[in-house]
């Protein structure tokens, strides 16, 4: 998807995914963006590239050849709220079977320059192309909730003038100085419940509805699946998700 203003780009993403699924059904197929429909295949992610511009449209993410203070504040804000943000970026039980150090999906709250093992990647382009890439998103993520939660976390970093930790280098999965992200959907939802930022900026109804629906989803999964901790893809997941996502 090409770049544009936040809401415009989010609308395009929603229309693209909806159109793909509708066209597939008309031709007798089912297209899915589910994060991990098959255990033996790579997962489907939703990587979000974003930057901030001023009222004149000038990119505020760079300062000459370096990242600007705005970019650094946003990095710190997103990392600070990464655990809670994970609940929006990975909105299904299946999504957490896509994550892990052997998958090229991030497992720690970290960032790095052109590092594809980190939660936040800074692509090599500079000038007006300077941007951040958040790599935690699952293919099934709601683009509106994904974008809103990332912007909320980044905005908090700007307001609080947060400073990020040092950039990770190399195989960042093994850098124990960076905290692990939630390993389960339950842990991610608990982190969202404990973080007041998203209810404040996205609205308490949005957050409470997400928590209620997704906790009910977990209860139904645990009631039907003999070993809820399995990393295998269960029939329950395919029945529950594959037609809608």
Protein backbone atom coordinates (compact mmCIF):
# COMPACT_ATOMS: atom_id res chain seq x y z
CA UNK A 1 0.00 0.00 0.00
CA UNK A 2 1.31 3.48 -0.86
CA UNK A 3 1.70 6.18 1.76
CA UNK A 4 -0.79 8.92 2.64
CA UNK A 5 -2.43 10.57 5.62
CA UNK A 6 -3.24 8.22 8.48
CA UNK A 7 -7.00 7.86 8.02
CA UNK A 8 -6.77 7.79 4.22
CA UNK A 9 -4.16 5.03 4.31
CA UNK A 10 -6.14 3.07 6.88
CA UNK A 11 -9.29 3.29 4.75
CA UNK A 12 -7.34 2.02 1.74
CA UNK A 13 -5.97 -0.89 3.75
CA UNK A 14 -9.46 -1.86 4.91
CA UNK A 15 -10.89 -1.60 1.38
CA UNK A 16 -7.98 -3.60 -0.07
CA UNK A 17 -8.42 -6.47 2.38
CA UNK A 18 -12.20 -6.47 1.97
CA UNK A 19 -11.95 -6.44 -1.83
CA UNK A 20 -9.47 -9.34 -1.87
CA UNK A 21 -11.78 -11.48 0.27
CA UNK A 22 -14.89 -10.57 -1.76
CA UNK A 23 -13.22 -11.29 -5.10
CA UNK A 24 -11.93 -14.63 -3.83
CA UNK A 25 -15.40 -15.70 -2.65
CA UNK A 26 -16.93 -14.81 -6.02
CA UNK A 27 -14.42 -17.14 -7.66
CA UNK A 28 -15.03 -19.98 -5.25
CA UNK A 29 -12.04 -19.41 -2.98
CA UNK A 30 -11.37 -18.01 0.47
CA UNK A 31 -8.60 -15.45 0.92
CA UNK A 32 -7.32 -15.01 4.46
CA UNK A 33 -5.00 -12.58 6.20
CA UNK A 34 -4.88 -14.76 9.31
CA UNK A 35 -1.43 -14.56 10.86
CA UNK A 36 -0.62 -18.27 10.99
CA UNK A 37 -3.15 -20.50 9.19
CA UNK A 38 -0.59 -23.28 8.60
CA UNK A 39 2.09 -24.29 11.09
CA UNK A 40 4.58 -25.34 8.41
CA UNK A 41 4.37 -22.03 6.49
CA UNK A 42 5.59 -18.54 7.25
CA UNK A 43 3.17 -16.17 8.94
CA UNK A 44 1.32 -13.15 7.57
CA UNK A 45 2.27 -9.84 9.17
CA UNK A 46 1.06 -6.25 9.07
CA UNK A 47 4.13 -3.99 9.05
CA UNK A 48 3.23 -0.34 9.45
CA UNK A 49 5.53 2.39 8.07
CA UNK A 50 4.84 5.89 9.38
CA UNK A 51 6.27 9.37 9.79
CA UNK A 52 5.08 12.69 11.21
CA UNK A 53 4.85 15.91 9.18
CA UNK A 54 4.22 19.52 10.16
CA UNK A 55 1.37 21.73 8.94
CA UNK A 56 3.27 22.37 5.70
CA UNK A 57 3.81 18.68 5.06
CA UNK A 58 7.52 18.65 5.97
CA UNK A 59 8.81 15.42 7.49
CA UNK A 60 9.62 15.89 11.18
CA UNK A 61 11.39 12.55 11.65
CA UNK A 62 14.88 13.66 10.58
CA UNK A 63 17.36 16.35 11.57
CA UNK A 64 19.79 16.56 8.70
CA UNK A 65 21.17 13.04 8.41
CA UNK A 66 20.08 11.89 11.87
CA UNK A 67 16.79 10.99 13.51
CA UNK A 68 15.07 14.01 15.02
CA UNK A 69 14.02 14.46 18.64
CA UNK A 70 10.43 13.83 17.50
CA UNK A 71 11.42 10.45 16.05
CA UNK A 72 13.34 9.50 19.19
CA UNK A 73 10.43 10.51 21.42
CA UNK A 74 8.05 8.42 19.30
CA UNK A 75 10.36 5.41 19.46
CA UNK A 76 10.52 5.69 23.24
CA UNK A 77 6.75 6.11 23.56
CA UNK A 78 5.98 3.06 21.45
CA UNK A 79 8.50 0.93 23.34
CA UNK A 80 7.08 2.18 26.65
CA UNK A 81 3.58 1.02 25.69
CA UNK A 82 4.63 -1.97 23.58
CA UNK A 83 3.09 -4.64 25.81
CA UNK A 84 -0.36 -3.06 25.71
CA UNK A 85 -0.08 -2.18 22.03
CA UNK A 86 0.54 -5.86 21.28
CA UNK A 87 -3.09 -6.60 22.19
CA UNK A 88 -4.31 -4.46 19.28
CA UNK A 89 -1.57 -5.48 16.86
CA UNK A 90 -2.18 -9.21 17.49
CA UNK A 91 -5.94 -9.54 18.02
CA UNK A 92 -6.31 -13.34 17.92
CA UNK A 93 -5.05 -16.41 19.74
CA UNK A 94 -3.61 -17.54 16.43
CA UNK A 95 -1.49 -14.38 16.15
CA UNK A 96 0.75 -15.44 19.03
CA UNK A 97 1.71 -18.61 17.18
CA UNK A 98 3.26 -16.36 14.52
CA UNK A 99 5.55 -14.65 17.02
CA UNK A 100 8.91 -15.91 18.25
CA UNK A 101 12.67 -15.72 17.70
CA UNK A 102 12.59 -18.30 14.91
CA UNK A 103 10.04 -16.41 12.81
CA UNK A 104 11.55 -12.96 12.05
CA UNK A 105 8.62 -11.51 14.01
CA UNK A 106 9.78 -9.40 16.98
CA UNK A 107 9.83 -10.84 20.49
CA UNK A 108 11.32 -7.93 22.48
CA UNK A 109 10.52 -4.24 22.98
CA UNK A 110 13.50 -2.87 21.07
CA UNK A 111 14.48 -0.81 18.05
CA UNK A 112 17.33 -0.66 15.57
CA UNK A 113 18.67 0.83 12.36
CA UNK A 114 17.52 -1.32 9.44
CA UNK A 115 17.28 -4.25 11.87
CA UNK A 116 14.60 -6.77 10.97
CA UNK A 117 14.89 -8.53 14.33
CA UNK A 118 13.48 -5.57 16.29
CA UNK A 119 10.01 -4.33 17.16
CA UNK A 120 10.76 -0.93 15.61
CA UNK A 121 12.96 -0.69 12.53
CA UNK A 122 14.40 2.54 11.17
CA UNK A 123 14.62 2.05 7.38
CA UNK A 124 17.80 3.39 5.75
CA UNK A 125 16.13 6.19 3.74
CA UNK A 126 16.70 9.72 5.09
CA UNK A 127 15.40 13.17 4.25
CA UNK A 128 11.71 13.16 3.39
CA UNK A 129 11.78 9.36 3.34
CA UNK A 130 12.74 9.07 7.02
CA UNK A 131 10.21 6.92 8.82
CA UNK A 132 9.70 4.19 11.38
CA UNK A 133 8.43 0.67 10.75
CA UNK A 134 6.59 -1.20 13.50
CA UNK A 135 6.88 -4.92 12.84
CA UNK A 136 4.70 -6.49 15.54
CA UNK A 137 1.40 -6.41 13.62
CA UNK A 138 -0.43 -9.58 12.62
CA UNK A 139 -2.16 -9.90 9.26
CA UNK A 140 -5.49 -10.13 11.08
CA UNK A 141 -5.03 -6.79 12.88
CA UNK A 142 -7.79 -4.21 12.53
CA UNK A 143 -5.98 -1.40 10.66
CA UNK A 144 -7.91 1.33 12.48
CA UNK A 145 -7.04 0.01 15.94
CA UNK A 146 -3.48 -0.73 14.87
CA UNK A 147 -2.84 2.78 13.55
CA UNK A 148 -4.67 4.50 16.42
CA UNK A 149 -2.76 2.59 19.09
CA UNK A 150 0.63 3.24 17.45
CA UNK A 151 -0.13 6.96 17.16
CA UNK A 152 -1.36 7.09 20.77
CA UNK A 153 1.85 5.52 22.05
CA UNK A 154 4.02 7.73 19.84
CA UNK A 155 2.15 10.87 20.87
CA UNK A 156 2.67 10.03 24.54
CA UNK A 157 6.39 9.74 23.87
CA UNK A 158 6.40 13.20 22.28
CA UNK A 159 4.35 14.79 25.07
CA UNK A 160 6.48 13.22 27.81
CA UNK A 161 9.73 13.84 25.89
CA UNK A 162 10.71 10.22 26.41
CA UNK A 163 14.19 9.02 25.49
CA UNK A 164 14.72 5.60 23.89
CA UNK A 165 17.30 3.08 25.03
CA UNK A 166 20.23 2.34 22.74
CA UNK A 167 19.55 0.86 19.33
CA UNK A 168 19.82 -2.93 19.11
CA UNK A 169 22.31 -4.44 16.71
CA UNK A 170 22.49 -7.86 15.11
CA UNK A 171 20.27 -10.76 16.20
CA UNK A 172 18.24 -8.72 18.68
CA UNK A 173 16.11 -11.66 19.84
CA UNK A 174 18.92 -12.69 22.18
CA UNK A 175 19.59 -9.25 23.70
CA UNK A 176 18.31 -9.79 27.24
CA UNK A 177 18.73 -6.10 28.07
CA UNK A 178 15.48 -5.52 26.15
CA UNK A 179 12.24 -6.75 27.78
CA UNK A 180 10.26 -9.58 26.24
CA UNK A 181 6.90 -8.78 24.68
CA UNK A 182 3.82 -10.70 25.90
CA UNK A 183 4.06 -14.35 24.92
CA UNK A 184 0.32 -15.03 25.11
CA UNK A 185 -2.89 -13.24 24.18
CA UNK A 186 -3.94 -13.25 27.84
CA UNK A 187 -0.74 -11.47 28.87
CA UNK A 188 -1.17 -8.87 26.13
CA UNK A 189 -4.77 -8.15 27.15
CA UNK A 190 -3.74 -7.85 30.81
CA UNK A 191 -1.09 -5.33 29.76
CA UNK A 192 -3.69 -3.32 27.84
CA UNK A 193 -6.03 -3.42 30.84
CA UNK A 194 -3.25 -2.07 33.07
CA UNK A 195 -2.17 0.76 30.72
CA UNK A 196 -4.50 3.79 31.02
CA UNK A 197 -3.12 5.58 27.95
CA UNK A 198 -5.23 3.80 25.35
CA UNK A 199 -8.52 4.29 27.19
CA UNK A 200 -7.62 7.96 27.56
CA UNK A 201 -6.73 8.58 23.90
CA UNK A 202 -8.81 5.96 22.06
CA UNK A 203 -11.79 5.97 24.41
CA UNK A 204 -12.71 3.67 27.31
CA UNK A 205 -15.49 1.98 25.32
CA UNK A 206 -13.05 0.94 22.59
CA UNK A 207 -10.66 -0.61 25.10
CA UNK A 208 -13.27 -2.25 27.34
CA UNK A 209 -15.10 -3.73 24.33
CA UNK A 210 -11.85 -5.14 22.93
CA UNK A 211 -10.96 -6.65 26.31
CA UNK A 212 -14.41 -8.19 26.84
CA UNK A 213 -14.70 -9.72 23.36
CA UNK A 214 -11.16 -11.08 23.31
CA UNK A 215 -11.26 -12.54 26.82
CA UNK A 216 -14.48 -14.32 25.87
CA UNK A 217 -12.65 -15.62 22.79
CA UNK A 218 -9.90 -17.04 25.00
CA UNK A 219 -12.44 -18.72 27.30
CA UNK A 220 -14.12 -20.43 24.36
CA UNK A 221 -10.76 -21.57 22.99
CA UNK A 222 -9.65 -23.00 26.33
CA UNK A 223 -12.98 -24.81 26.73
CA UNK A 224 -12.71 -26.51 23.33
CA UNK A 225 -8.99 -27.23 22.87
CA UNK A 226 -7.47 -30.06 24.98
CA UNK A 227 -4.07 -28.32 25.21
CA UNK A 228 -4.59 -24.54 24.91
CA UNK A 229 -0.81 -23.95 25.12
CA UNK A 230 -0.14 -25.89 21.90
CA UNK A 231 1.86 -24.18 19.15
CA UNK A 232 0.03 -26.26 16.56
CA UNK A 233 -2.76 -24.64 14.56
CA UNK A 234 -6.03 -26.05 15.87
CA UNK A 235 -9.30 -26.71 14.07
CA UNK A 236 -10.92 -24.25 16.49
CA UNK A 237 -8.73 -21.42 15.17
CA UNK A 238 -9.52 -22.16 11.55
CA UNK A 239 -13.26 -22.39 12.25
CA UNK A 240 -13.21 -19.22 14.35
CA UNK A 241 -11.02 -16.98 12.24
CA UNK A 242 -10.31 -18.01 8.70
CA UNK A 243 -13.55 -16.82 7.07
CA UNK A 244 -13.63 -13.47 8.88
CA UNK A 245 -9.94 -12.61 8.75
